[in-house]
């Protein structure tokens, strides 16, 4: 068991697929029993069916929730309030990690937190994504600022802008940071509108950014 424990210790913060852990126990008759025992002992934390993480007390590394979000349900990238909080665009702490996906909308509750995924079309999904380095060189797929604000508008139910006043009221309600808004590139948002839902609302938002 020492060799397998060392493999676990060296795995760091990277989420572990079931087959990876099974391979560690390939010399045992019942690898799944060994995995079950490790979960019971707290060596492994089961995030979902077929996905685990090593106990941070063993590895000394805690996986970033954005990294976990990508691994739990994909394809997906972190966006909307979660990304905006990271960018310092909103003052509130966000407890649920929000992502978008091309698969069905779902919400997953794990031992380390809650993860929400909203379905969008593949055409709209594919732009405005970057690989962001999180804690200790952990990489996660996230929206860039312009896409994050678009995703928030697109995925918020019953949110429609019929003019600049609606946009201003929403900005005040969300307490969006003025410097963040000033640094947004309207041209990038305009490019996303072609394949986006709520085209009219996004256009009103862009017009406000441009001070038209």
Protein backbone atom coordinates (compact mmCIF):
# COMPACT_ATOMS: atom_id res chain seq x y z
CA UNK A 1 0.00 0.00 0.00
CA UNK A 2 3.00 2.31 0.46
CA UNK A 3 3.54 2.70 -3.28
CA UNK A 4 -0.12 3.55 -3.88
CA UNK A 5 -0.12 6.03 -0.98
CA UNK A 6 2.94 7.75 -2.43
CA UNK A 7 1.19 8.03 -5.80
CA UNK A 8 -1.75 9.66 -4.02
CA UNK A 9 0.58 12.03 -2.16
CA UNK A 10 2.29 13.03 -5.41
CA UNK A 11 -0.97 13.61 -7.27
CA UNK A 12 -1.25 17.11 -5.85
CA UNK A 13 -4.42 19.06 -6.55
CA UNK A 14 -5.29 17.47 -9.89
CA UNK A 15 -8.74 15.77 -9.89
CA UNK A 16 -8.39 12.02 -10.26
CA UNK A 17 -10.43 9.95 -12.70
CA UNK A 18 -11.62 6.51 -11.62
CA UNK A 19 -9.40 4.69 -14.11
CA UNK A 20 -6.32 6.48 -12.80
CA UNK A 21 -6.96 5.25 -9.27
CA UNK A 22 -7.89 1.76 -10.51
CA UNK A 23 -4.50 1.60 -12.23
CA UNK A 24 -2.80 2.26 -8.90
CA UNK A 25 -4.45 -0.90 -7.53
CA UNK A 26 -4.05 -3.05 -10.66
CA UNK A 27 -2.14 -5.72 -8.73
CA UNK A 28 -5.07 -6.27 -6.37
CA UNK A 29 -8.00 -8.58 -7.07
CA UNK A 30 -10.58 -5.96 -6.12
CA UNK A 31 -9.33 -2.46 -7.00
CA UNK A 32 -12.77 -0.92 -6.43
CA UNK A 33 -12.82 -2.30 -2.89
CA UNK A 34 -9.48 -0.59 -2.22
CA UNK A 35 -10.85 2.69 -3.58
CA UNK A 36 -13.91 2.36 -1.34
CA UNK A 37 -11.63 1.78 1.66
CA UNK A 38 -9.58 4.87 0.85
CA UNK A 39 -12.74 6.96 0.67
CA UNK A 40 -13.80 5.58 4.06
CA UNK A 41 -10.38 6.41 5.52
CA UNK A 42 -10.51 9.92 4.08
CA UNK A 43 -7.52 9.47 1.79
CA UNK A 44 -9.73 10.13 -1.22
CA UNK A 45 -12.66 12.55 -1.47
CA UNK A 46 -15.32 11.51 -3.98
CA UNK A 47 -16.53 14.53 -5.93
CA UNK A 48 -18.92 12.68 -8.23
CA UNK A 49 -19.26 9.25 -9.78
CA UNK A 50 -15.85 8.42 -11.22
CA UNK A 51 -14.09 11.59 -10.02
CA UNK A 52 -12.02 12.04 -6.88
CA UNK A 53 -9.51 14.36 -5.29
CA UNK A 54 -6.75 13.53 -2.85
CA UNK A 55 -7.21 14.76 0.70
CA UNK A 56 -5.34 18.11 0.86
CA UNK A 57 -3.94 17.09 4.27
CA UNK A 58 -2.01 14.37 2.44
CA UNK A 59 -0.84 16.31 -0.61
CA UNK A 60 -0.43 19.73 0.98
CA UNK A 61 -2.32 21.20 -1.99
CA UNK A 62 -5.94 22.28 -2.11
CA UNK A 63 -7.50 22.16 -5.59
CA UNK A 64 -9.00 25.40 -6.82
CA UNK A 65 -12.78 25.23 -7.24
CA UNK A 66 -12.54 26.52 -10.82
CA UNK A 67 -10.31 23.56 -11.69
CA UNK A 68 -12.81 21.21 -10.03
CA UNK A 69 -15.67 22.85 -11.93
CA UNK A 70 -13.99 22.11 -15.27
CA UNK A 71 -13.38 18.48 -14.30
CA UNK A 72 -16.81 17.78 -12.82
CA UNK A 73 -18.85 18.50 -15.93
CA UNK A 74 -17.60 19.27 -19.38
CA UNK A 75 -17.17 20.81 -21.72
CA UNK A 76 -17.57 23.84 -19.50
CA UNK A 77 -15.87 27.03 -18.42
CA UNK A 78 -16.32 29.22 -15.33
CA UNK A 79 -18.12 32.48 -15.96
CA UNK A 80 -20.81 34.97 -14.85
CA UNK A 81 -20.75 35.89 -11.13
CA UNK A 82 -17.89 33.50 -10.34
CA UNK A 83 -15.57 34.97 -12.95
CA UNK A 84 -16.72 38.53 -12.23
CA UNK A 85 -15.94 38.11 -8.53
CA UNK A 86 -12.44 36.91 -9.48
CA UNK A 87 -11.99 40.01 -11.66
CA UNK A 88 -13.12 42.26 -8.80
CA UNK A 89 -16.15 43.42 -10.79
CA UNK A 90 -18.71 42.66 -8.07
CA UNK A 91 -18.31 43.09 -4.32
CA UNK A 92 -20.19 40.01 -3.13
CA UNK A 93 -18.54 36.72 -2.27
CA UNK A 94 -19.86 33.99 -4.56
CA UNK A 95 -20.46 30.60 -2.94
CA UNK A 96 -21.73 28.61 -5.93
CA UNK A 97 -19.31 28.20 -8.83
CA UNK A 98 -21.17 29.12 -12.02
CA UNK A 99 -20.20 27.75 -15.42
CA UNK A 100 -21.70 27.34 -18.86
CA UNK A 101 -21.72 24.18 -20.92
CA UNK A 102 -22.98 22.80 -24.22
CA UNK A 103 -24.56 19.91 -22.31
CA UNK A 104 -27.79 20.05 -20.30
CA UNK A 105 -28.25 22.49 -17.43
CA UNK A 106 -27.48 20.92 -14.08
CA UNK A 107 -26.33 21.59 -10.54
CA UNK A 108 -23.89 19.39 -8.64
CA UNK A 109 -23.33 19.36 -4.89
CA UNK A 110 -19.98 17.99 -3.72
CA UNK A 111 -18.15 17.75 -0.38
CA UNK A 112 -16.23 20.91 -1.31
CA UNK A 113 -19.11 23.04 -2.62
CA UNK A 114 -21.91 23.59 -5.10
CA UNK A 115 -21.40 23.87 -8.86
CA UNK A 116 -23.97 25.20 -11.33
CA UNK A 117 -23.90 24.69 -15.12
CA UNK A 118 -26.12 26.46 -17.64
CA UNK A 119 -26.56 25.20 -21.18
CA UNK A 120 -25.71 27.53 -24.08
CA UNK A 121 -25.34 26.87 -27.80
CA UNK A 122 -21.99 25.56 -29.13
CA UNK A 123 -21.68 28.58 -31.45
CA UNK A 124 -21.96 31.04 -28.59
CA UNK A 125 -19.89 28.87 -26.21
CA UNK A 126 -16.76 28.73 -28.33
CA UNK A 127 -15.48 32.33 -28.02
CA UNK A 128 -14.10 34.45 -25.20
CA UNK A 129 -12.46 31.67 -23.17
CA UNK A 130 -8.96 31.62 -21.71
CA UNK A 131 -6.83 29.30 -19.59
CA UNK A 132 -6.40 31.03 -16.26
CA UNK A 133 -3.65 30.11 -13.80
CA UNK A 134 -5.17 29.72 -10.35
CA UNK A 135 -3.54 28.64 -7.08
CA UNK A 136 -0.13 26.95 -7.34
CA UNK A 137 -0.12 26.83 -11.14
CA UNK A 138 -3.47 25.09 -11.38
CA UNK A 139 -5.07 25.94 -14.72
CA UNK A 140 -8.79 26.39 -15.35
CA UNK A 141 -10.92 27.39 -18.32
CA UNK A 142 -12.60 30.73 -17.60
CA UNK A 143 -14.42 33.44 -19.49
CA UNK A 144 -12.54 36.64 -20.25
CA UNK A 145 -14.18 39.73 -18.67
CA UNK A 146 -16.24 40.63 -21.75
CA UNK A 147 -17.61 37.11 -22.12
CA UNK A 148 -18.29 36.80 -18.39
CA UNK A 149 -20.54 39.86 -18.40
CA UNK A 150 -22.30 38.63 -21.56
CA UNK A 151 -22.85 35.22 -19.99
CA UNK A 152 -24.32 36.80 -16.88
CA UNK A 153 -26.82 38.75 -18.98
CA UNK A 154 -27.62 35.77 -21.22
CA UNK A 155 -28.09 33.22 -18.42
CA UNK A 156 -30.02 35.38 -15.92
CA UNK A 157 -33.67 34.42 -16.21
CA UNK A 158 -36.16 37.19 -16.98
CA UNK A 159 -33.39 39.78 -17.45
CA UNK A 160 -34.16 41.94 -20.48
CA UNK A 161 -32.91 45.42 -21.34
CA UNK A 162 -35.25 47.62 -23.36
CA UNK A 163 -33.03 50.69 -23.18
CA UNK A 164 -30.14 52.40 -21.40
CA UNK A 165 -32.11 53.02 -18.22
CA UNK A 166 -32.67 49.29 -17.79
CA UNK A 167 -28.93 48.72 -18.21
CA UNK A 168 -28.04 51.48 -15.72
CA UNK A 169 -30.49 50.12 -13.15
CA UNK A 170 -29.04 46.63 -13.53
CA UNK A 171 -25.47 47.92 -13.18
CA UNK A 172 -26.47 49.71 -9.96
CA UNK A 173 -28.30 46.63 -8.69
CA UNK A 174 -25.27 44.41 -9.36
CA UNK A 175 -22.91 47.09 -7.98
CA UNK A 176 -20.60 46.53 -10.92
CA UNK A 177 -17.22 48.19 -10.55
CA UNK A 178 -16.89 51.35 -12.67
CA UNK A 179 -13.23 50.75 -13.54
CA UNK A 180 -14.08 47.21 -14.65
CA UNK A 181 -16.83 48.51 -16.93
CA UNK A 182 -14.55 51.20 -18.38
CA UNK A 183 -11.94 48.59 -19.23
CA UNK A 184 -14.35 46.36 -21.17
CA UNK A 185 -13.86 46.24 -24.94
CA UNK A 186 -17.22 46.90 -26.66
CA UNK A 187 -15.87 45.41 -29.92
CA UNK A 188 -15.38 42.02 -28.26
CA UNK A 189 -18.91 42.02 -26.90
CA UNK A 190 -20.28 43.04 -30.28
CA UNK A 191 -18.49 40.06 -31.84
CA UNK A 192 -20.21 37.66 -29.40
CA UNK A 193 -23.68 39.03 -30.16
CA UNK A 194 -23.85 37.31 -33.57
CA UNK A 195 -24.33 33.89 -31.96
CA UNK A 196 -25.77 34.99 -28.63
CA UNK A 197 -29.26 34.81 -27.16
CA UNK A 198 -30.74 38.12 -25.95
CA UNK A 199 -29.13 40.06 -28.80
CA UNK A 200 -31.22 43.15 -28.11
CA UNK A 201 -30.22 43.26 -24.44
CA UNK A 202 -26.55 42.85 -25.27
CA UNK A 203 -26.78 45.60 -27.88
CA UNK A 204 -28.26 47.98 -25.31
CA UNK A 205 -25.42 47.09 -22.94
CA UNK A 206 -22.80 47.79 -25.62
CA UNK A 207 -24.42 51.13 -26.47
CA UNK A 208 -24.12 52.19 -22.85
CA UNK A 209 -20.44 51.20 -22.79
CA UNK A 210 -19.85 53.27 -25.91
CA UNK A 211 -21.76 56.22 -24.38
CA UNK A 212 -23.94 56.36 -27.52
